[in-house]
Amino acid sequence: MLVKAVRPFSIHGDLYFELQAVRTNDVSAQPLSIKLPRHAIAGEPQAGQTLLVKFLMGQVTEAKPVTSASPVQQ
């Protein structure tokens, strides 16, 4: 996922990030809105960053920055 914008917010004291992102393997580049819990990522996501995002039953369980040395799973 290529992050286009990040907005932090809180639900009952728990920190989340709302990401506006596009899938890197989607040629139509349809924008997506993703709610990312703070515990699912090390650090804070940044606009322009590419993330490998894992989901379980529609919920984000993990997000890792993709570096040039990291393989990108499609």
N, C-alpha and C. Protein backbone atom coordinates (compact mmCIF):
# COMPACT_ATOMS: atom_id res chain seq x y z
N MET A 1 0.84 -1.16 0.00
CA MET A 1 0.00 0.00 0.00
C MET A 1 0.89 1.23 0.00
N LEU A 2 0.56 2.16 -0.85
CA LEU A 2 1.26 3.44 -0.88
C LEU A 2 0.41 4.44 -0.10
N VAL A 3 0.95 4.95 0.99
CA VAL A 3 0.23 5.87 1.86
C VAL A 3 0.20 7.25 1.23
N LYS A 4 -1.00 7.80 1.08
CA LYS A 4 -1.18 9.14 0.53
C LYS A 4 -1.37 10.19 1.61
N ALA A 5 -2.05 9.80 2.72
CA ALA A 5 -2.29 10.74 3.83
C ALA A 5 -2.48 9.94 5.11
N VAL A 6 -2.14 10.56 6.23
CA VAL A 6 -2.27 9.94 7.55
C VAL A 6 -2.97 10.91 8.48
N ARG A 7 -3.95 10.38 9.23
CA ARG A 7 -4.64 11.19 10.24
C ARG A 7 -4.74 10.38 11.52
N PRO A 8 -4.03 10.80 12.59
CA PRO A 8 -4.15 10.09 13.86
C PRO A 8 -5.50 10.41 14.52
N PHE A 9 -6.06 9.43 15.22
CA PHE A 9 -7.28 9.66 15.99
C PHE A 9 -7.33 8.66 17.13
N SER A 10 -8.24 8.89 18.05
CA SER A 10 -8.34 8.07 19.25
C SER A 10 -9.76 7.52 19.40
N ILE A 11 -9.85 6.26 19.79
CA ILE A 11 -11.12 5.64 20.14
C ILE A 11 -10.98 5.11 21.55
N HIS A 12 -11.71 5.68 22.49
CA HIS A 12 -11.68 5.26 23.89
C HIS A 12 -10.25 5.22 24.44
N GLY A 13 -9.43 6.18 24.03
CA GLY A 13 -8.06 6.28 24.53
C GLY A 13 -7.04 5.48 23.74
N ASP A 14 -7.48 4.66 22.80
CA ASP A 14 -6.55 3.89 21.98
C ASP A 14 -6.22 4.66 20.71
N LEU A 15 -4.93 4.77 20.39
CA LEU A 15 -4.49 5.53 19.22
C LEU A 15 -4.60 4.69 17.95
N TYR A 16 -5.14 5.29 16.91
CA TYR A 16 -5.25 4.70 15.58
C TYR A 16 -4.76 5.71 14.57
N PHE A 17 -4.45 5.21 13.37
CA PHE A 17 -4.13 6.07 12.24
C PHE A 17 -5.11 5.76 11.13
N GLU A 18 -5.73 6.78 10.58
CA GLU A 18 -6.55 6.59 9.39
C GLU A 18 -5.66 6.87 8.19
N LEU A 19 -5.48 5.87 7.36
CA LEU A 19 -4.62 6.00 6.19
C LEU A 19 -5.47 6.13 4.95
N GLN A 20 -5.14 7.08 4.11
CA GLN A 20 -5.65 7.14 2.75
C GLN A 20 -4.52 6.55 1.91
N ALA A 21 -4.82 5.44 1.24
CA ALA A 21 -3.75 4.71 0.55
C ALA A 21 -4.28 4.10 -0.74
N VAL A 22 -3.35 3.68 -1.58
CA VAL A 22 -3.68 2.94 -2.79
C VAL A 22 -2.85 1.67 -2.81
N ARG A 23 -3.44 0.62 -3.38
CA ARG A 23 -2.70 -0.64 -3.52
C ARG A 23 -1.66 -0.47 -4.62
N THR A 24 -0.45 -0.91 -4.36
CA THR A 24 0.62 -0.76 -5.34
C THR A 24 0.44 -1.70 -6.53
N ASN A 25 -0.39 -2.72 -6.38
CA ASN A 25 -0.61 -3.66 -7.49
C ASN A 25 -1.95 -3.43 -8.18
N ASP A 26 -2.60 -2.29 -7.92
CA ASP A 26 -3.89 -1.97 -8.52
C ASP A 26 -3.67 -0.87 -9.57
N VAL A 27 -3.81 -1.22 -10.84
CA VAL A 27 -3.56 -0.25 -11.90
C VAL A 27 -4.57 0.90 -11.90
N SER A 28 -5.78 0.67 -11.35
CA SER A 28 -6.77 1.74 -11.30
C SER A 28 -6.49 2.72 -10.16
N ALA A 29 -5.65 2.30 -9.22
CA ALA A 29 -5.25 3.15 -8.08
C ALA A 29 -6.45 3.71 -7.33
N GLN A 30 -7.44 2.86 -7.07
CA GLN A 30 -8.60 3.27 -6.28
C GLN A 30 -8.15 3.57 -4.86
N PRO A 31 -8.47 4.76 -4.33
CA PRO A 31 -8.06 5.09 -2.96
C PRO A 31 -8.83 4.25 -1.94
N LEU A 32 -8.13 3.88 -0.87
CA LEU A 32 -8.71 3.12 0.22
C LEU A 32 -8.53 3.88 1.52
N SER A 33 -9.45 3.69 2.43
CA SER A 33 -9.33 4.24 3.78
C SER A 33 -9.11 3.07 4.72
N ILE A 34 -8.02 3.10 5.45
CA ILE A 34 -7.65 2.00 6.35
C ILE A 34 -7.48 2.53 7.76
N LYS A 35 -8.08 1.85 8.72
CA LYS A 35 -7.91 2.18 10.13
C LYS A 35 -6.82 1.27 10.69
N LEU A 36 -5.70 1.87 11.06
CA LEU A 36 -4.52 1.14 11.50
C LEU A 36 -4.31 1.36 13.00
N PRO A 37 -4.45 0.31 13.83
CA PRO A 37 -4.20 0.47 15.26
C PRO A 37 -2.72 0.73 15.52
N ARG A 38 -2.44 1.52 16.52
CA ARG A 38 -1.06 1.90 16.87
C ARG A 38 -0.20 0.66 17.14
N HIS A 39 -0.77 -0.37 17.78
CA HIS A 39 0.02 -1.55 18.13
C HIS A 39 0.40 -2.39 16.91
N ALA A 40 -0.18 -2.11 15.74
CA ALA A 40 0.07 -2.92 14.55
C ALA A 40 1.26 -2.43 13.73
N ILE A 41 1.88 -1.31 14.13
CA ILE A 41 3.01 -0.77 13.37
C ILE A 41 4.04 -0.19 14.33
N ALA A 42 5.31 -0.38 14.01
CA ALA A 42 6.39 0.23 14.78
C ALA A 42 6.61 1.63 14.21
N GLY A 43 6.49 2.64 15.04
CA GLY A 43 6.63 4.02 14.58
C GLY A 43 5.32 4.56 14.06
N GLU A 44 5.39 5.68 13.38
CA GLU A 44 4.20 6.31 12.82
C GLU A 44 4.25 6.24 11.30
N PRO A 45 3.14 5.87 10.67
CA PRO A 45 3.14 5.86 9.21
C PRO A 45 3.26 7.28 8.66
N GLN A 46 3.85 7.40 7.48
CA GLN A 46 4.08 8.70 6.86
C GLN A 46 3.53 8.69 5.43
N ALA A 47 3.03 9.83 5.00
CA ALA A 47 2.60 9.98 3.60
C ALA A 47 3.80 9.72 2.70
N GLY A 48 3.59 8.98 1.63
CA GLY A 48 4.67 8.64 0.71
C GLY A 48 5.34 7.32 1.02
N GLN A 49 5.06 6.77 2.18
CA GLN A 49 5.64 5.50 2.61
C GLN A 49 4.87 4.33 1.98
N THR A 50 5.59 3.26 1.66
CA THR A 50 4.95 2.04 1.19
C THR A 50 4.94 1.05 2.33
N LEU A 51 3.75 0.48 2.60
CA LEU A 51 3.58 -0.46 3.71
C LEU A 51 3.10 -1.80 3.19
N LEU A 52 3.57 -2.86 3.82
CA LEU A 52 3.03 -4.20 3.63
C LEU A 52 2.02 -4.38 4.75
N VAL A 53 0.74 -4.50 4.41
CA VAL A 53 -0.32 -4.54 5.41
C VAL A 53 -0.95 -5.92 5.43
N LYS A 54 -1.09 -6.49 6.63
CA LYS A 54 -1.73 -7.80 6.78
C LYS A 54 -3.09 -7.61 7.46
N PHE A 55 -4.07 -8.35 6.96
CA PHE A 55 -5.43 -8.27 7.47
C PHE A 55 -5.89 -9.64 7.98
N LEU A 56 -6.76 -9.63 8.97
CA LEU A 56 -7.44 -10.82 9.44
C LEU A 56 -8.91 -10.46 9.62
N MET A 57 -9.76 -11.08 8.84
CA MET A 57 -11.20 -10.81 8.89
C MET A 57 -11.52 -9.32 8.73
N GLY A 58 -10.80 -8.68 7.81
CA GLY A 58 -11.05 -7.28 7.49
C GLY A 58 -10.40 -6.27 8.43
N GLN A 59 -9.67 -6.74 9.44
CA GLN A 59 -9.01 -5.86 10.39
C GLN A 59 -7.50 -5.92 10.19
N VAL A 60 -6.85 -4.77 10.29
CA VAL A 60 -5.39 -4.73 10.15
C VAL A 60 -4.75 -5.37 11.38
N THR A 61 -3.87 -6.34 11.14
CA THR A 61 -3.15 -6.99 12.24
C THR A 61 -1.69 -6.59 12.28
N GLU A 62 -1.16 -6.14 11.14
CA GLU A 62 0.25 -5.76 11.08
C GLU A 62 0.51 -4.89 9.86
N ALA A 63 1.39 -3.93 10.01
CA ALA A 63 1.83 -3.10 8.90
C ALA A 63 3.33 -2.87 9.06
N LYS A 64 4.08 -3.15 8.00
CA LYS A 64 5.53 -2.98 8.02
C LYS A 64 5.95 -2.13 6.84
N PRO A 65 6.87 -1.20 7.07
CA PRO A 65 7.41 -0.42 5.95
C PRO A 65 8.16 -1.32 4.98
N VAL A 66 8.00 -1.05 3.70
CA VAL A 66 8.71 -1.79 2.66
C VAL A 66 9.93 -0.96 2.29
N THR A 67 11.09 -1.58 2.38
CA THR A 67 12.33 -0.91 1.97
C THR A 67 12.75 -1.48 0.63
N SER A 68 13.71 -0.88 0.02
CA SER A 68 14.17 -1.35 -1.30
C SER A 68 14.70 -2.78 -1.20
N ALA A 69 15.18 -3.20 -0.03
CA ALA A 69 15.69 -4.54 0.14
C ALA A 69 14.60 -5.54 0.50
N SER A 70 13.40 -5.05 0.91
CA SER A 70 12.30 -5.94 1.29
C SER A 70 11.55 -6.41 0.06
N PRO A 71 11.17 -7.68 0.06
CA PRO A 71 10.32 -8.15 -1.04
C PRO A 71 8.91 -7.61 -0.88
N VAL A 72 8.30 -7.22 -1.98
CA VAL A 72 6.92 -6.73 -1.95
C VAL A 72 6.01 -7.87 -2.34
N GLN A 73 5.11 -8.24 -1.43
CA GLN A 73 4.16 -9.30 -1.73
C GLN A 73 2.92 -8.67 -2.33
N GLN A 74 2.46 -9.21 -3.43
CA GLN A 74 1.27 -8.68 -4.09
C GLN A 74 0.08 -9.53 -3.78
